Amino acid sequence: MLPGPRLRHNPLMEQSLAGSPAETPYARLSPDKVIAAVEAAGLPSDGRVLALNSYENRVYQAGVEDAEPVVLKFYRPGRWTDASILEEHAFALELAGAEIPVVAPRVIGGTTLLELDGYRYAVYPRRGGRWPDLDSTDDRVLMGRFLGRLHRLGAARRFEHRPTLDVAALGRAASEFVLDGDWLPDYQLERYADTTEALLEGIDEAFAAAAPLRQLRIHGDCHRGNILWTAAGPHFVDLDDCLTGPAIQDLWMLLAGSPDEMRRQLTDLVEGYEQFADFDRVEIALIEPLRALRMIHYAAWLARRWHDPAFPKAFPWFAAARYWDDHVRQLAEQLEALAAPPLRL
């Protein structure tokens, strides 16, 4: 029997390196620490703590005596400056003040950003809801109206401390990180390098052809996992990746299926969107380039976070050769999607 492919990355070594506090950013964030953070915010904790699904940050539901539970979001150390976090909070409060359904942080002691033992955190009200299906025209039009309102307010002023959607950072820097980190099996190195380079060239060409793009404050990570749906409609629960960018970045992740299905979905979204904000159809040509960017960036994001013990536990398949086989194949398929004509409304 021939030996299996040699995987240059050693996940066991990564996990052993993760033993130092510098490599495990949440090592000291125990349930007792969460309870202490609740008390430090002036809320009487009832001792109940429930970890919620989150990897980039740590998010907990915490019980409060004689009141509704609250949600505490602990920011990943070193990722954002205080100014950028406060700008995220200000955007959320601005949206909520305009009755746009976004869950905004509580203002406590005159600020929304608290700190305890080196951990920065914010306190949010708990909000329920379900994953949005967006199966009906009515739901998609309603979602489009919500995004149109969000973007109309987002265009009213500019971020000063939040990032701008950047092809070089999301694409080229991400692919270089993967190549430099010995993650790929040897037999996939050249194919990955060639495929990502071709994708990045196509992405650059698409953005150049669409220029000049209208830049505004956007959600930035508008996938269905960041949306909760209630009888009153949708609301966002996380603006952690809000940035400056084109409107289409907040629409394309809501599309799924065949080109015909995505065209119908986008038609409905835009119908609702244009009730509140103008939509530049030139941006439709960026849907597949943006999808390609996200695919490249996602793999690099997992690699960059592998020292966090939560990541090997949640994504054990990432360190396997089969993942990279599938990833490179999907990148090659995405290269074909870039060459296809864009959707037409």
C-alpha atoms as a PDB file:
ATOM      1  CA  MET A   1       0.000   0.000   0.000  1.00  0.00           C
ATOM      2  CA  LEU A   2       1.302   3.439  -0.872  1.00  0.00           C
ATOM      3  CA  PRO A   3       1.777   5.816   2.071  1.00  0.00           C
ATOM      4  CA  GLY A   4      -0.852   8.485   2.568  1.00  0.00           C
ATOM      5  CA  PRO A   5      -0.205  12.099   1.591  1.00  0.00           C
ATOM      6  CA  ARG A   6       2.204  13.964   3.838  1.00  0.00           C
ATOM      7  CA  LEU A   7       0.453  16.842   5.554  1.00  0.00           C
ATOM      8  CA  ARG A   8       3.092  19.469   6.225  1.00  0.00           C
ATOM      9  CA  HIS A   9       1.083  21.118   9.013  1.00  0.00           C
ATOM     10  CA  ASN A  10       1.215  19.347  12.378  1.00  0.00           C
ATOM     11  CA  PRO A  11      -1.987  20.046  14.358  1.00  0.00           C
ATOM     12  CA  LEU A  12      -0.596  18.346  17.454  1.00  0.00           C
ATOM     13  CA  MET A  13       2.281  20.807  17.509  1.00  0.00           C
ATOM     14  CA  GLU A  14      -0.172  23.689  17.161  1.00  0.00           C
ATOM     15  CA  GLN A  15      -2.213  22.424  20.079  1.00  0.00           C
ATOM     16  CA  SER A  16       0.879  22.022  22.238  1.00  0.00           C
ATOM     17  CA  LEU A  17       1.924  25.589  21.410  1.00  0.00           C
ATOM     18  CA  ALA A  18      -1.559  26.680  22.403  1.00  0.00           C
ATOM     19  CA  GLY A  19      -0.758  25.885  26.022  1.00  0.00           C
ATOM     20  CA  SER A  20       0.759  29.258  26.794  1.00  0.00           C
ATOM     21  CA  PRO A  21      -1.546  32.122  27.882  1.00  0.00           C
ATOM     22  CA  ALA A  22      -0.348  34.247  24.952  1.00  0.00           C
ATOM     23  CA  GLU A  23      -1.621  31.604  22.542  1.00  0.00           C
ATOM     24  CA  THR A  24      -4.927  30.944  24.327  1.00  0.00           C
ATOM     25  CA  PRO A  25      -6.653  34.327  24.573  1.00  0.00           C
ATOM     26  CA  TYR A  26      -9.617  33.067  26.586  1.00  0.00           C
ATOM     27  CA  ALA A  27      -7.751  30.734  28.957  1.00  0.00           C
ATOM     28  CA  ARG A  28      -8.685  32.829  32.004  1.00  0.00           C
ATOM     29  CA  LEU A  29     -12.296  33.428  30.982  1.00  0.00           C
ATOM     30  CA  SER A  30     -13.989  31.040  33.404  1.00  0.00           C
ATOM     31  CA  PRO A  31     -17.704  30.980  34.353  1.00  0.00           C
ATOM     32  CA  ASP A  32     -16.755  32.757  37.591  1.00  0.00           C
ATOM     33  CA  LYS A  33     -15.131  35.514  35.510  1.00  0.00           C
ATOM     34  CA  VAL A  34     -18.306  35.886  33.445  1.00  0.00           C
ATOM     35  CA  ILE A  35     -20.367  36.178  36.622  1.00  0.00           C
ATOM     36  CA  ALA A  36     -17.916  38.782  37.940  1.00  0.00           C
ATOM     37  CA  ALA A  37     -18.326  40.710  34.671  1.00  0.00           C
ATOM     38  CA  VAL A  38     -22.106  40.717  35.124  1.00  0.00           C
ATOM     39  CA  GLU A  39     -21.703  42.081  38.659  1.00  0.00           C
ATOM     40  CA  ALA A  40     -19.135  44.654  37.490  1.00  0.00           C
ATOM     41  CA  ALA A  41     -21.753  45.940  35.039  1.00  0.00           C
ATOM     42  CA  GLY A  42     -24.033  46.664  37.992  1.00  0.00           C
ATOM     43  CA  LEU A  43     -26.326  43.686  37.424  1.00  0.00           C
ATOM     44  CA  PRO A  44     -27.109  41.175  40.207  1.00  0.00           C
ATOM     45  CA  SER A  45     -26.088  37.799  38.794  1.00  0.00           C
ATOM     46  CA  ASP A  46     -28.131  34.726  39.661  1.00  0.00           C
ATOM     47  CA  GLY A  47     -25.129  32.501  38.887  1.00  0.00           C
ATOM     48  CA  ARG A  48     -26.406  31.024  35.636  1.00  0.00           C
ATOM     49  CA  VAL A  49     -24.071  31.121  32.635  1.00  0.00           C
ATOM     50  CA  LEU A  50     -24.677  29.552  29.219  1.00  0.00           C
ATOM     51  CA  ALA A  51     -22.031  29.649  26.489  1.00  0.00           C
ATOM     52  CA  LEU A  52     -23.493  30.631  23.102  1.00  0.00           C
ATOM     53  CA  ASN A  53     -22.216  29.656  19.688  1.00  0.00           C
ATOM     54  CA  SER A  54     -19.301  31.971  18.861  1.00  0.00           C
ATOM     55  CA  TYR A  55     -15.667  31.466  17.875  1.00  0.00           C
ATOM     56  CA  GLU A  56     -14.111  34.813  16.996  1.00  0.00           C
ATOM     57  CA  ASN A  57     -15.310  36.237  20.314  1.00  0.00           C
ATOM     58  CA  ARG A  58     -16.811  34.550  23.359  1.00  0.00           C
ATOM     59  CA  VAL A  59     -20.500  35.119  24.001  1.00  0.00           C
ATOM     60  CA  TYR A  60     -22.489  34.058  27.053  1.00  0.00           C
ATOM     61  CA  GLN A  61     -26.066  34.286  28.222  1.00  0.00           C
ATOM     62  CA  ALA A  62     -26.021  35.238  31.883  1.00  0.00           C
ATOM     63  CA  GLY A  63     -28.882  35.156  34.335  1.00  0.00           C
ATOM     64  CA  VAL A  64     -29.860  38.248  36.285  1.00  0.00           C
ATOM     65  CA  GLU A  65     -31.897  38.181  39.512  1.00  0.00           C
ATOM     66  CA  ASP A  66     -35.541  39.171  38.987  1.00  0.00           C
ATOM     67  CA  ALA A  67     -34.876  40.246  35.394  1.00  0.00           C
ATOM     68  CA  GLU A  68     -34.419  38.918  31.892  1.00  0.00           C
ATOM     69  CA  PRO A  69     -31.035  37.301  31.162  1.00  0.00           C
ATOM     70  CA  VAL A  70     -28.455  39.375  29.353  1.00  0.00           C
ATOM     71  CA  VAL A  71     -25.855  38.473  26.746  1.00  0.00           C
ATOM     72  CA  LEU A  72     -22.184  39.288  27.344  1.00  0.00           C
ATOM     73  CA  LYS A  73     -19.809  39.528  24.397  1.00  0.00           C
ATOM     74  CA  PHE A  74     -16.100  39.286  25.229  1.00  0.00           C
ATOM     75  CA  TYR A  75     -13.953  40.673  22.434  1.00  0.00           C
ATOM     76  CA  ARG A  76     -10.983  38.675  21.180  1.00  0.00           C
ATOM     77  CA  PRO A  77      -7.886  40.307  22.691  1.00  0.00           C
ATOM     78  CA  GLY A  78      -5.778  42.196  20.182  1.00  0.00           C
ATOM     79  CA  ARG A  79      -8.247  42.065  17.301  1.00  0.00           C
ATOM     80  CA  TRP A  80      -9.862  45.512  17.494  1.00  0.00           C
ATOM     81  CA  THR A  81      -8.832  48.802  19.063  1.00  0.00           C
ATOM     82  CA  ASP A  82     -11.115  50.384  21.633  1.00  0.00           C
ATOM     83  CA  ALA A  83     -11.951  53.085  19.081  1.00  0.00           C
ATOM     84  CA  SER A  84     -13.061  50.555  16.465  1.00  0.00           C
ATOM     85  CA  ILE A  85     -15.224  48.662  18.970  1.00  0.00           C
ATOM     86  CA  LEU A  86     -16.840  51.866  20.191  1.00  0.00           C
ATOM     87  CA  GLU A  87     -17.521  52.835  16.574  1.00  0.00           C
ATOM     88  CA  GLU A  88     -19.268  49.493  16.056  1.00  0.00           C
ATOM     89  CA  HIS A  89     -21.381  50.192  19.145  1.00  0.00           C
ATOM     90  CA  ALA A  90     -22.169  53.716  18.009  1.00  0.00           C
ATOM     91  CA  PHE A  91     -23.352  52.396  14.638  1.00  0.00           C
ATOM     92  CA  ALA A  92     -25.597  49.845  16.346  1.00  0.00           C
ATOM     93  CA  LEU A  93     -27.066  52.517  18.639  1.00  0.00           C
ATOM     94  CA  GLU A  94     -27.579  54.832  15.674  1.00  0.00           C
ATOM     95  CA  LEU A  95     -29.452  52.111  13.810  1.00  0.00           C
ATOM     96  CA  ALA A  96     -31.552  51.228  16.853  1.00  0.00           C
ATOM     97  CA  GLY A  97     -32.335  54.919  17.382  1.00  0.00           C
ATOM     98  CA  ALA A  98     -33.714  55.012  13.834  1.00  0.00           C
ATOM     99  CA  GLU A  99     -35.909  51.997  14.688  1.00  0.00           C
ATOM    100  CA  ILE A 100     -33.902  49.721  12.437  1.00  0.00           C
ATOM    101  CA  PRO A 101     -34.020  46.299  14.132  1.00  0.00           C
ATOM    102  CA  VAL A 102     -30.468  45.746  15.358  1.00  0.00           C
ATOM    103  CA  VAL A 103     -29.569  44.492  18.826  1.00  0.00           C
ATOM    104  CA  ALA A 104     -27.465  47.297  20.305  1.00  0.00           C
ATOM    105  CA  PRO A 105     -25.288  47.145  23.427  1.00  0.00           C
ATOM    106  CA  ARG A 106     -26.411  48.641  26.705  1.00  0.00           C
ATOM    107  CA  VAL A 107     -24.941  51.914  27.868  1.00  0.00           C
ATOM    108  CA  ILE A 108     -23.582  51.298  31.370  1.00  0.00           C
ATOM    109  CA  GLY A 109     -21.930  54.055  33.340  1.00  0.00           C
ATOM    110  CA  GLY A 110     -21.800  56.250  30.264  1.00  0.00           C
ATOM    111  CA  THR A 111     -20.071  53.697  28.022  1.00  0.00           C
ATOM    112  CA  THR A 112     -20.826  50.535  26.067  1.00  0.00           C
ATOM    113  CA  LEU A 113     -17.330  49.017  26.341  1.00  0.00           C
ATOM    114  CA  LEU A 114     -16.465  47.539  29.723  1.00  0.00           C
ATOM    115  CA  GLU A 115     -13.289  45.858  30.958  1.00  0.00           C
ATOM    116  CA  LEU A 116     -12.528  43.264  33.605  1.00  0.00           C
ATOM    117  CA  ASP A 117      -9.140  41.666  34.246  1.00  0.00           C
ATOM    118  CA  GLY A 118      -7.891  42.489  30.745  1.00  0.00           C
ATOM    119  CA  TYR A 119     -11.039  41.346  28.940  1.00  0.00           C
ATOM    120  CA  ARG A 120     -13.101  43.931  27.074  1.00  0.00           C
ATOM    121  CA  TYR A 121     -16.792  43.161  26.868  1.00  0.00           C
ATOM    122  CA  ALA A 122     -20.228  44.580  26.159  1.00  0.00           C
ATOM    123  CA  VAL A 123     -23.647  43.751  27.587  1.00  0.00           C
ATOM    124  CA  TYR A 124     -26.596  43.177  25.261  1.00  0.00           C
ATOM    125  CA  PRO A 125     -30.269  42.446  25.819  1.00  0.00           C
ATOM    126  CA  ARG A 126     -31.261  38.900  24.964  1.00  0.00           C
ATOM    127  CA  ARG A 127     -33.282  38.599  21.775  1.00  0.00           C
ATOM    128  CA  GLY A 128     -34.894  35.482  20.385  1.00  0.00           C
ATOM    129  CA  GLY A 129     -35.772  34.412  16.883  1.00  0.00           C
ATOM    130  CA  ARG A 130     -35.198  31.735  14.288  1.00  0.00           C
ATOM    131  CA  TRP A 131     -32.872  31.216  11.366  1.00  0.00           C
ATOM    132  CA  PRO A 132     -34.367  33.042   8.356  1.00  0.00           C
ATOM    133  CA  ASP A 133     -35.480  30.768   5.527  1.00  0.00           C
ATOM    134  CA  LEU A 134     -36.046  33.553   2.978  1.00  0.00           C
ATOM    135  CA  ASP A 135     -38.011  31.026   0.938  1.00  0.00           C
ATOM    136  CA  SER A 136     -40.840  33.371   0.031  1.00  0.00           C
ATOM    137  CA  THR A 137     -40.895  36.508  -2.102  1.00  0.00           C
ATOM    138  CA  ASP A 138     -42.475  38.446   0.767  1.00  0.00           C
ATOM    139  CA  ASP A 139     -39.682  37.507   3.177  1.00  0.00           C
ATOM    140  CA  ARG A 140     -36.993  38.450   0.685  1.00  0.00           C
ATOM    141  CA  VAL A 141     -38.629  41.791  -0.100  1.00  0.00           C
ATOM    142  CA  LEU A 142     -38.898  42.487   3.638  1.00  0.00           C
ATOM    143  CA  MET A 143     -35.230  41.598   4.095  1.00  0.00           C
ATOM    144  CA  GLY A 144     -34.341  43.913   1.224  1.00  0.00           C
ATOM    145  CA  ARG A 145     -36.287  46.754   2.833  1.00  0.00           C
ATOM    146  CA  PHE A 146     -34.387  46.208   6.077  1.00  0.00           C
ATOM    147  CA  LEU A 147     -31.034  46.360   4.294  1.00  0.00           C
ATOM    148  CA  GLY A 148     -32.104  49.407   2.305  1.00  0.00           C
ATOM    149  CA  ARG A 149     -32.917  51.226   5.535  1.00  0.00           C
ATOM    150  CA  LEU A 150     -29.643  50.111   7.091  1.00  0.00           C
ATOM    151  CA  HIS A 151     -27.639  51.313   4.096  1.00  0.00           C
ATOM    152  CA  ARG A 152     -29.491  54.600   3.816  1.00  0.00           C
ATOM    153  CA  LEU A 153     -28.423  55.392   7.347  1.00  0.00           C
ATOM    154  CA  GLY A 154     -24.998  53.877   6.686  1.00  0.00           C
ATOM    155  CA  ALA A 155     -24.437  56.347   3.865  1.00  0.00           C
ATOM    156  CA  ALA A 156     -25.170  59.335   6.111  1.00  0.00           C
ATOM    157  CA  ARG A 157     -21.640  59.451   7.540  1.00  0.00           C
ATOM    158  CA  ARG A 158     -18.320  57.614   7.449  1.00  0.00           C
ATOM    159  CA  PHE A 159     -16.434  55.246   9.701  1.00  0.00           C
ATOM    160  CA  GLU A 160     -13.147  56.596  11.000  1.00  0.00           C
ATOM    161  CA  HIS A 161     -11.790  53.543  12.819  1.00  0.00           C
ATOM    162  CA  ARG A 162     -13.431  50.545  11.137  1.00  0.00           C
ATOM    163  CA  PRO A 163     -11.735  48.803   8.183  1.00  0.00           C
ATOM    164  CA  THR A 164     -12.586  49.156   4.511  1.00  0.00           C
ATOM    165  CA  LEU A 165     -13.305  46.080   2.397  1.00  0.00           C
ATOM    166  CA  ASP A 166      -9.908  45.412   0.861  1.00  0.00           C
ATOM    167  CA  VAL A 167      -9.169  42.800  -1.796  1.00  0.00           C
ATOM    168  CA  ALA A 168      -5.477  42.641  -0.904  1.00  0.00           C
ATOM    169  CA  ALA A 169      -6.137  41.941   2.787  1.00  0.00           C
ATOM    170  CA  LEU A 170      -9.029  39.521   2.308  1.00  0.00           C
ATOM    171  CA  GLY A 171      -7.512  37.709  -0.658  1.00  0.00           C
ATOM    172  CA  ARG A 172      -3.807  38.016  -1.325  1.00  0.00           C
ATOM    173  CA  ALA A 173      -2.683  38.289   2.294  1.00  0.00           C
ATOM    174  CA  ALA A 174      -4.949  35.374   3.178  1.00  0.00           C
ATOM    175  CA  SER A 175      -3.615  33.060   0.456  1.00  0.00           C
ATOM    176  CA  GLU A 176      -0.029  33.988   1.335  1.00  0.00           C
ATOM    177  CA  PHE A 177      -0.700  33.165   4.987  1.00  0.00           C
ATOM    178  CA  VAL A 178      -1.929  29.709   4.024  1.00  0.00           C
ATOM    179  CA  LEU A 179       1.030  29.083   1.720  1.00  0.00           C
ATOM    180  CA  ASP A 180       3.548  30.311   4.284  1.00  0.00           C
ATOM    181  CA  GLY A 181       2.068  28.248   7.095  1.00  0.00           C
ATOM    182  CA  ASP A 182       2.653  24.696   5.827  1.00  0.00           C
ATOM    183  CA  TRP A 183      -1.051  23.859   5.887  1.00  0.00           C
ATOM    184  CA  LEU A 184      -1.449  22.312   2.455  1.00  0.00           C
ATOM    185  CA  PRO A 185      -0.481  18.779   1.488  1.00  0.00           C
ATOM    186  CA  ASP A 186       2.605  18.913  -0.725  1.00  0.00           C
ATOM    187  CA  TYR A 187       0.726  17.748  -3.801  1.00  0.00           C
ATOM    188  CA  GLN A 188      -1.761  20.652  -3.532  1.00  0.00           C
ATOM    189  CA  LEU A 189       0.727  23.485  -3.033  1.00  0.00           C
ATOM    190  CA  GLU A 190       1.228  24.420  -6.675  1.00  0.00           C
ATOM    191  CA  ARG A 191      -2.429  24.001  -7.603  1.00  0.00           C
ATOM    192  CA  TYR A 192      -3.576  26.128  -4.672  1.00  0.00           C
ATOM    193  CA  ALA A 193      -1.038  28.851  -5.484  1.00  0.00           C
ATOM    194  CA  ASP A 194      -1.959  28.904  -9.175  1.00  0.00           C
ATOM    195  CA  THR A 195      -5.709  28.811  -8.556  1.00  0.00           C
ATOM    196  CA  THR A 196      -5.737  31.559  -5.934  1.00  0.00           C
ATOM    197  CA  GLU A 197      -3.486  33.724  -8.100  1.00  0.00           C
ATOM    198  CA  ALA A 198      -5.883  33.327 -11.045  1.00  0.00           C
ATOM    199  CA  LEU A 199      -8.827  34.108  -8.768  1.00  0.00           C
ATOM    200  CA  LEU A 200      -7.151  37.208  -7.391  1.00  0.00           C
ATOM    201  CA  GLU A 201      -6.398  38.471 -10.878  1.00  0.00           C
ATOM    202  CA  GLY A 202     -10.040  37.970 -11.826  1.00  0.00           C
ATOM    203  CA  ILE A 203     -11.217  39.682  -8.642  1.00  0.00           C
ATOM    204  CA  ASP A 204      -8.951  42.678  -9.291  1.00  0.00           C
ATOM    205  CA  GLU A 205     -10.265  42.957 -12.841  1.00  0.00           C
ATOM    206  CA  ALA A 206     -13.891  42.789 -11.669  1.00  0.00           C
ATOM    207  CA  PHE A 207     -13.403  45.515  -9.074  1.00  0.00           C
ATOM    208  CA  ALA A 208     -11.554  47.706 -11.574  1.00  0.00           C
ATOM    209  CA  ALA A 209     -14.382  47.298 -14.096  1.00  0.00           C
ATOM    210  CA  ALA A 210     -16.989  48.245 -11.467  1.00  0.00           C
ATOM    211  CA  ALA A 211     -15.115  51.317 -10.208  1.00  0.00           C
ATOM    212  CA  PRO A 212     -15.818  53.821  -8.868  1.00  0.00           C
ATOM    213  CA  LEU A 213     -17.825  51.983  -6.215  1.00  0.00           C
ATOM    214  CA  ARG A 214     -20.063  53.767  -3.770  1.00  0.00           C
ATOM    215  CA  GLN A 215     -18.615  53.174  -0.295  1.00  0.00           C
ATOM    216  CA  LEU A 216     -20.812  53.245   2.799  1.00  0.00           C
ATOM    217  CA  ARG A 217     -21.078  51.819   6.279  1.00  0.00           C
ATOM    218  CA  ILE A 218     -22.349  48.242   5.961  1.00  0.00           C
ATOM    219  CA  HIS A 219     -22.909  45.191   8.142  1.00  0.00           C
ATOM    220  CA  GLY A 220     -20.035  43.412   6.419  1.00  0.00           C
ATOM    221  CA  ASP A 221     -20.878  39.821   7.423  1.00  0.00           C
ATOM    222  CA  CYS A 222     -24.497  39.564   6.391  1.00  0.00           C
ATOM    223  CA  HIS A 223     -25.067  35.814   6.386  1.00  0.00           C
ATOM    224  CA  ARG A 224     -28.160  34.130   7.780  1.00  0.00           C
ATOM    225  CA  GLY A 225     -26.411  33.094  10.986  1.00  0.00           C
ATOM    226  CA  ASN A 226     -26.239  36.763  11.964  1.00  0.00           C
ATOM    227  CA  ILE A 227     -29.974  37.288  11.449  1.00  0.00           C
ATOM    228  CA  LEU A 228     -32.826  36.297  13.729  1.00  0.00           C
ATOM    229  CA  TRP A 229     -36.381  36.258  12.393  1.00  0.00           C
ATOM    230  CA  THR A 230     -39.473  36.911  14.483  1.00  0.00           C
ATOM    231  CA  ALA A 231     -43.117  37.624  13.713  1.00  0.00           C
ATOM    232  CA  ALA A 232     -42.094  41.274  13.283  1.00  0.00           C
ATOM    233  CA  GLY A 233     -39.429  40.405  10.721  1.00  0.00           C
ATOM    234  CA  PRO A 234     -35.610  40.241  10.784  1.00  0.00           C
ATOM    235  CA  HIS A 235     -33.096  41.729  13.158  1.00  0.00           C
ATOM    236  CA  PHE A 236     -29.319  41.538  13.317  1.00  0.00           C
ATOM    237  CA  VAL A 237     -27.543  40.352  16.436  1.00  0.00           C
ATOM    238  CA  ASP A 238     -23.913  41.030  15.523  1.00  0.00           C
ATOM    239  CA  LEU A 239     -22.122  43.981  13.913  1.00  0.00           C
ATOM    240  CA  ASP A 240     -18.651  42.744  14.847  1.00  0.00           C
ATOM    241  CA  ASP A 241     -17.457  42.905  11.223  1.00  0.00           C
ATOM    242  CA  CYS A 242     -19.092  46.165  10.193  1.00  0.00           C
ATOM    243  CA  LEU A 243     -16.921  48.083   7.762  1.00  0.00           C
ATOM    244  CA  THR A 244     -16.877  50.448   4.820  1.00  0.00           C
ATOM    245  CA  GLY A 245     -17.712  48.790   1.522  1.00  0.00           C
ATOM    246  CA  PRO A 246     -20.158  48.455  -1.385  1.00  0.00           C
ATOM    247  CA  ALA A 247     -23.802  47.636  -0.774  1.00  0.00           C
ATOM    248  CA  ILE A 248     -23.617  44.289  -2.595  1.00  0.00           C
ATOM    249  CA  GLN A 249     -21.438  42.871   0.206  1.00  0.00           C
ATOM    250  CA  ASP A 250     -24.542  42.813   2.422  1.00  0.00           C
ATOM    251  CA  LEU A 251     -26.756  41.183  -0.208  1.00  0.00           C
ATOM    252  CA  TRP A 252     -24.797  38.445  -1.925  1.00  0.00           C
ATOM    253  CA  MET A 253     -24.472  36.130   1.097  1.00  0.00           C
ATOM    254  CA  LEU A 254     -28.263  35.863   1.261  1.00  0.00           C
ATOM    255  CA  LEU A 255     -28.317  34.211  -2.182  1.00  0.00           C
ATOM    256  CA  ALA A 256     -28.159  30.452  -2.693  1.00  0.00           C
ATOM    257  CA  GLY A 257     -28.871  27.838  -5.332  1.00  0.00           C
ATOM    258  CA  SER A 258     -28.658  27.879  -9.114  1.00  0.00           C
ATOM    259  CA  PRO A 259     -28.067  31.076 -11.101  1.00  0.00           C
ATOM    260  CA  ASP A 260     -31.793  31.270 -11.897  1.00  0.00           C
ATOM    261  CA  GLU A 261     -32.702  30.850  -8.228  1.00  0.00           C
ATOM    262  CA  MET A 262     -30.184  33.494  -7.164  1.00  0.00           C
ATOM    263  CA  ARG A 263     -31.475  35.869  -9.823  1.00  0.00           C
ATOM    264  CA  ARG A 264     -35.038  35.545  -8.460  1.00  0.00           C
ATOM    265  CA  GLN A 265     -33.809  35.987  -4.890  1.00  0.00           C
ATOM    266  CA  LEU A 266     -31.756  39.053  -5.785  1.00  0.00           C
ATOM    267  CA  THR A 267     -34.669  40.537  -7.729  1.00  0.00           C
ATOM    268  CA  ASP A 268     -36.836  40.333  -4.604  1.00  0.00           C
ATOM    269  CA  LEU A 269     -34.119  41.702  -2.321  1.00  0.00           C
ATOM    270  CA  VAL A 270     -33.498  44.651  -4.635  1.00  0.00           C
ATOM    271  CA  GLU A 271     -37.237  45.355  -4.952  1.00  0.00           C
ATOM    272  CA  GLY A 272     -37.419  45.856  -1.190  1.00  0.00           C
ATOM    273  CA  TYR A 273     -34.040  47.589  -0.999  1.00  0.00           C
ATOM    274  CA  GLU A 274     -34.929  50.246  -3.546  1.00  0.00           C
ATOM    275  CA  GLN A 275     -37.922  51.329  -1.497  1.00  0.00           C
ATOM    276  CA  PHE A 276     -35.396  53.026   0.796  1.00  0.00           C
ATOM    277  CA  ALA A 277     -32.043  53.308  -0.989  1.00  0.00           C
ATOM    278  CA  ASP A 278     -30.601  53.382  -4.486  1.00  0.00           C
ATOM    279  CA  PHE A 279     -28.918  50.204  -5.703  1.00  0.00           C
ATOM    280  CA  ASP A 280     -26.197  50.340  -8.346  1.00  0.00           C
ATOM    281  CA  ARG A 281     -26.648  47.301 -10.596  1.00  0.00           C
ATOM    282  CA  VAL A 282     -23.005  47.486 -11.634  1.00  0.00           C
ATOM    283  CA  GLU A 283     -22.238  45.907  -8.270  1.00  0.00           C
ATOM    284  CA  ILE A 284     -23.983  42.665  -9.280  1.00  0.00           C
ATOM    285  CA  ALA A 285     -20.837  41.745 -11.219  1.00  0.00           C
ATOM    286  CA  LEU A 286     -19.005  41.587  -7.871  1.00  0.00           C
ATOM    287  CA  ILE A 287     -21.096  38.750  -6.412  1.00  0.00           C
ATOM    288  CA  GLU A 288     -18.851  35.894  -7.558  1.00  0.00           C
ATOM    289  CA  PRO A 289     -15.605  37.844  -6.939  1.00  0.00           C
ATOM    290  CA  LEU A 290     -16.784  38.523  -3.389  1.00  0.00           C
ATOM    291  CA  ARG A 291     -17.692  34.872  -2.940  1.00  0.00           C
ATOM    292  CA  ALA A 292     -14.196  33.920  -4.080  1.00  0.00           C
ATOM    293  CA  LEU A 293     -12.674  36.376  -1.600  1.00  0.00           C
ATOM    294  CA  ARG A 294     -14.691  34.865   1.240  1.00  0.00           C
ATOM    295  CA  MET A 295     -13.627  31.347   0.314  1.00  0.00           C
ATOM    296  CA  ILE A 296      -9.941  32.297   0.340  1.00  0.00           C
ATOM    297  CA  HIS A 297     -10.280  34.321   3.514  1.00  0.00           C
ATOM    298  CA  TYR A 298     -12.247  31.658   5.421  1.00  0.00           C
ATOM    299  CA  ALA A 299      -9.477  29.082   5.144  1.00  0.00           C
ATOM    300  CA  ALA A 300      -6.900  31.634   6.286  1.00  0.00           C
ATOM    301  CA  TRP A 301      -9.165  32.674   9.176  1.00  0.00           C
ATOM    302  CA  LEU A 302      -9.256  29.092  10.450  1.00  0.00           C
ATOM    303  CA  ALA A 303      -5.487  28.830  10.095  1.00  0.00           C
ATOM    304  CA  ARG A 304      -4.906  32.092  11.950  1.00  0.00           C
ATOM    305  CA  ARG A 305      -7.142  30.975  14.813  1.00  0.00           C
ATOM    306  CA  TRP A 306      -5.890  27.392  15.113  1.00  0.00           C
ATOM    307  CA  HIS A 307      -3.944  28.207  18.286  1.00  0.00           C
ATOM    308  CA  ASP A 308      -7.296  28.910  20.004  1.00  0.00           C
ATOM    309  CA  PRO A 309      -8.321  25.513  21.483  1.00  0.00           C
ATOM    310  CA  ALA A 310     -11.941  26.114  20.462  1.00  0.00           C
ATOM    311  CA  PHE A 311     -11.015  25.869  16.781  1.00  0.00           C
ATOM    312  CA  PRO A 312      -9.478  22.370  16.628  1.00  0.00           C
ATOM    313  CA  LYS A 313     -12.477  21.154  18.653  1.00  0.00           C
ATOM    314  CA  ALA A 314     -15.052  22.806  16.408  1.00  0.00           C
ATOM    315  CA  PHE A 315     -13.314  22.278  13.049  1.00  0.00           C
ATOM    316  CA  PRO A 316     -11.320  19.018  13.371  1.00  0.00           C
ATOM    317  CA  TRP A 317     -11.567  18.412   9.617  1.00  0.00           C
ATOM    318  CA  PHE A 318      -9.541  21.543   8.864  1.00  0.00           C
ATOM    319  CA  ALA A 319      -6.175  19.860   9.491  1.00  0.00           C
ATOM    320  CA  ALA A 320      -6.981  16.892   7.217  1.00  0.00           C
ATOM    321  CA  ALA A 321      -5.758  16.519   3.637  1.00  0.00           C
ATOM    322  CA  ARG A 322      -9.316  15.859   2.457  1.00  0.00           C
ATOM    323  CA  TYR A 323     -10.389  19.377   3.488  1.00  0.00           C
ATOM    324  CA  TRP A 324      -7.675  20.917   1.339  1.00  0.00           C
ATOM    325  CA  ASP A 325      -8.527  18.630  -1.576  1.00  0.00           C
ATOM    326  CA  ASP A 326     -12.128  19.847  -1.411  1.00  0.00           C
ATOM    327  CA  HIS A 327     -11.091  23.457  -0.856  1.00  0.00           C
ATOM    328  CA  VAL A 328      -8.782  23.578  -3.876  1.00  0.00           C
ATOM    329  CA  ARG A 329     -11.430  21.885  -6.021  1.00  0.00           C
ATOM    330  CA  GLN A 330     -14.041  24.442  -4.906  1.00  0.00           C
ATOM    331  CA  LEU A 331     -11.649  27.296  -5.663  1.00  0.00           C
ATOM    332  CA  ALA A 332     -11.176  25.908  -9.179  1.00  0.00           C
ATOM    333  CA  GLU A 333     -14.956  25.740  -9.608  1.00  0.00           C
ATOM    334  CA  GLN A 334     -15.209  29.322  -8.388  1.00  0.00           C
ATOM    335  CA  LEU A 335     -12.717  30.357 -11.041  1.00  0.00           C
ATOM    336  CA  GLU A 336     -15.200  29.069 -13.615  1.00  0.00           C
ATOM    337  CA  ALA A 337     -17.982  31.036 -11.905  1.00  0.00           C
ATOM    338  CA  LEU A 338     -15.928  34.209 -12.263  1.00  0.00           C
ATOM    339  CA  ALA A 339     -15.702  33.616 -16.006  1.00  0.00           C
ATOM    340  CA  ALA A 340     -19.480  33.213 -16.370  1.00  0.00           C
ATOM    341  CA  PRO A 341     -21.735  36.205 -17.154  1.00  0.00           C
ATOM    342  CA  PRO A 342     -23.037  37.953 -14.006  1.00  0.00           C
ATOM    343  CA  LEU A 343     -26.646  37.738 -12.919  1.00  0.00           C
ATOM    344  CA  ARG A 344     -29.102  39.919 -14.805  1.00  0.00           C
ATOM    345  CA  LEU A 345     -32.168  41.398 -13.111  1.00  0.00           C
END
